[in-house]
Amino acid sequence: MNLQALYDVRLAQQEAGAEIKALPTKTKVITVCRSRLSSTPTA
């Protein structure tokens, strides 16, 4: 791999990093599902 290709890969990773971090995480999804599916209140 030449230097230009390495630079392009690094640049693409940096640009995609912000978009990836903005995606919901599994813990956030589980928290939402538990609150919606919970039939009894938690103490």
N, C-alpha and C. Protein backbone atom coordinates (compact mmCIF):
# COMPACT_ATOMS: atom_id res chain seq x y z
N MET A 1 0.85 -1.17 0.00
CA MET A 1 0.00 0.00 0.00
C MET A 1 0.91 1.24 0.00
N ASN A 2 0.60 2.18 -0.86
CA ASN A 2 1.43 3.37 -0.94
C ASN A 2 0.95 4.45 0.04
N LEU A 3 1.70 5.53 0.14
CA LEU A 3 1.37 6.57 1.11
C LEU A 3 0.02 7.24 0.83
N GLN A 4 -0.32 7.42 -0.43
CA GLN A 4 -1.60 8.05 -0.76
C GLN A 4 -2.76 7.17 -0.31
N ALA A 5 -2.64 5.87 -0.52
CA ALA A 5 -3.70 4.94 -0.11
C ALA A 5 -3.83 4.93 1.41
N LEU A 6 -2.71 4.95 2.12
CA LEU A 6 -2.76 5.00 3.59
C LEU A 6 -3.43 6.28 4.08
N TYR A 7 -3.11 7.38 3.44
CA TYR A 7 -3.73 8.66 3.80
C TYR A 7 -5.24 8.61 3.55
N ASP A 8 -5.65 8.06 2.41
CA ASP A 8 -7.07 7.96 2.08
C ASP A 8 -7.82 7.11 3.09
N VAL A 9 -7.21 6.01 3.51
CA VAL A 9 -7.84 5.12 4.49
C VAL A 9 -7.98 5.85 5.82
N ARG A 10 -6.94 6.53 6.25
CA ARG A 10 -6.99 7.26 7.52
C ARG A 10 -8.03 8.37 7.48
N LEU A 11 -8.11 9.08 6.38
CA LEU A 11 -9.09 10.15 6.23
C LEU A 11 -10.51 9.59 6.27
N ALA A 12 -10.75 8.48 5.61
CA ALA A 12 -12.08 7.86 5.61
C ALA A 12 -12.45 7.40 7.02
N GLN A 13 -11.49 6.87 7.76
CA GLN A 13 -11.76 6.43 9.13
C GLN A 13 -12.13 7.62 10.01
N GLN A 14 -11.46 8.73 9.86
CA GLN A 14 -11.76 9.92 10.65
C GLN A 14 -13.14 10.46 10.33
N GLU A 15 -13.50 10.48 9.05
CA GLU A 15 -14.81 11.00 8.65
C GLU A 15 -15.93 10.09 9.13
N ALA A 16 -15.72 8.78 9.07
CA ALA A 16 -16.74 7.83 9.49
C ALA A 16 -16.83 7.74 11.01
N GLY A 17 -15.78 8.11 11.70
CA GLY A 17 -15.75 7.99 13.16
C GLY A 17 -16.87 8.75 13.84
N ALA A 18 -17.13 9.97 13.42
CA ALA A 18 -18.19 10.78 14.03
C ALA A 18 -19.55 10.16 13.76
N GLU A 19 -19.76 9.65 12.57
CA GLU A 19 -21.04 9.03 12.23
C GLU A 19 -21.25 7.75 13.03
N ILE A 20 -20.20 6.98 13.20
CA ILE A 20 -20.29 5.74 13.96
C ILE A 20 -20.58 6.03 15.42
N LYS A 21 -19.94 7.05 15.98
CA LYS A 21 -20.16 7.40 17.39
C LYS A 21 -21.57 7.91 17.61
N ALA A 22 -22.21 8.44 16.59
CA ALA A 22 -23.57 8.97 16.73
C ALA A 22 -24.63 7.86 16.72
N LEU A 23 -24.26 6.67 16.32
CA LEU A 23 -25.21 5.56 16.29
C LEU A 23 -25.57 5.12 17.70
N PRO A 24 -26.79 4.63 17.91
CA PRO A 24 -27.16 4.17 19.25
C PRO A 24 -26.37 2.92 19.63
N THR A 25 -26.08 2.82 20.89
CA THR A 25 -25.34 1.65 21.37
C THR A 25 -26.31 0.62 21.91
N LYS A 26 -25.83 -0.56 22.12
CA LYS A 26 -26.68 -1.64 22.60
C LYS A 26 -27.26 -1.32 23.96
N THR A 27 -26.48 -0.74 24.85
CA THR A 27 -26.99 -0.42 26.18
C THR A 27 -28.12 0.59 26.11
N LYS A 28 -28.05 1.55 25.20
CA LYS A 28 -29.13 2.52 25.06
C LYS A 28 -30.40 1.84 24.56
N VAL A 29 -30.27 0.94 23.62
CA VAL A 29 -31.43 0.24 23.06
C VAL A 29 -32.07 -0.64 24.11
N ILE A 30 -31.27 -1.35 24.90
CA ILE A 30 -31.80 -2.23 25.94
C ILE A 30 -32.55 -1.40 26.98
N THR A 31 -32.03 -0.27 27.37
CA THR A 31 -32.68 0.59 28.35
C THR A 31 -34.05 1.04 27.85
N VAL A 32 -34.14 1.42 26.59
CA VAL A 32 -35.41 1.86 26.03
C VAL A 32 -36.39 0.70 25.98
N CYS A 33 -35.94 -0.47 25.55
CA CYS A 33 -36.82 -1.63 25.45
C CYS A 33 -37.33 -2.06 26.82
N ARG A 34 -36.48 -2.04 27.82
CA ARG A 34 -36.90 -2.45 29.15
C ARG A 34 -37.98 -1.52 29.69
N SER A 35 -37.83 -0.24 29.47
CA SER A 35 -38.82 0.70 29.98
C SER A 35 -40.15 0.55 29.25
N ARG A 36 -40.11 0.21 28.01
CA ARG A 36 -41.35 0.04 27.25
C ARG A 36 -42.02 -1.30 27.54
N LEU A 37 -41.23 -2.34 27.77
CA LEU A 37 -41.77 -3.68 27.96
C LEU A 37 -42.07 -3.99 29.42
N SER A 38 -41.62 -3.18 30.33
CA SER A 38 -41.79 -3.44 31.74
C SER A 38 -43.27 -3.35 32.12
N SER A 39 -43.79 -4.45 32.66
CA SER A 39 -45.19 -4.46 33.07
C SER A 39 -45.34 -4.10 34.55
N THR A 40 -44.27 -4.27 35.32
CA THR A 40 -44.32 -3.90 36.73
C THR A 40 -43.28 -2.84 36.99
N PRO A 41 -43.58 -1.86 37.81
CA PRO A 41 -42.60 -0.81 38.11
C PRO A 41 -41.44 -1.38 38.92
N THR A 42 -40.26 -0.84 38.64
CA THR A 42 -39.08 -1.29 39.38
C THR A 42 -38.87 -0.37 40.56
N ALA A 43 -38.43 -0.94 41.65
CA ALA A 43 -38.21 -0.13 42.87
C ALA A 43 -36.81 0.38 42.94
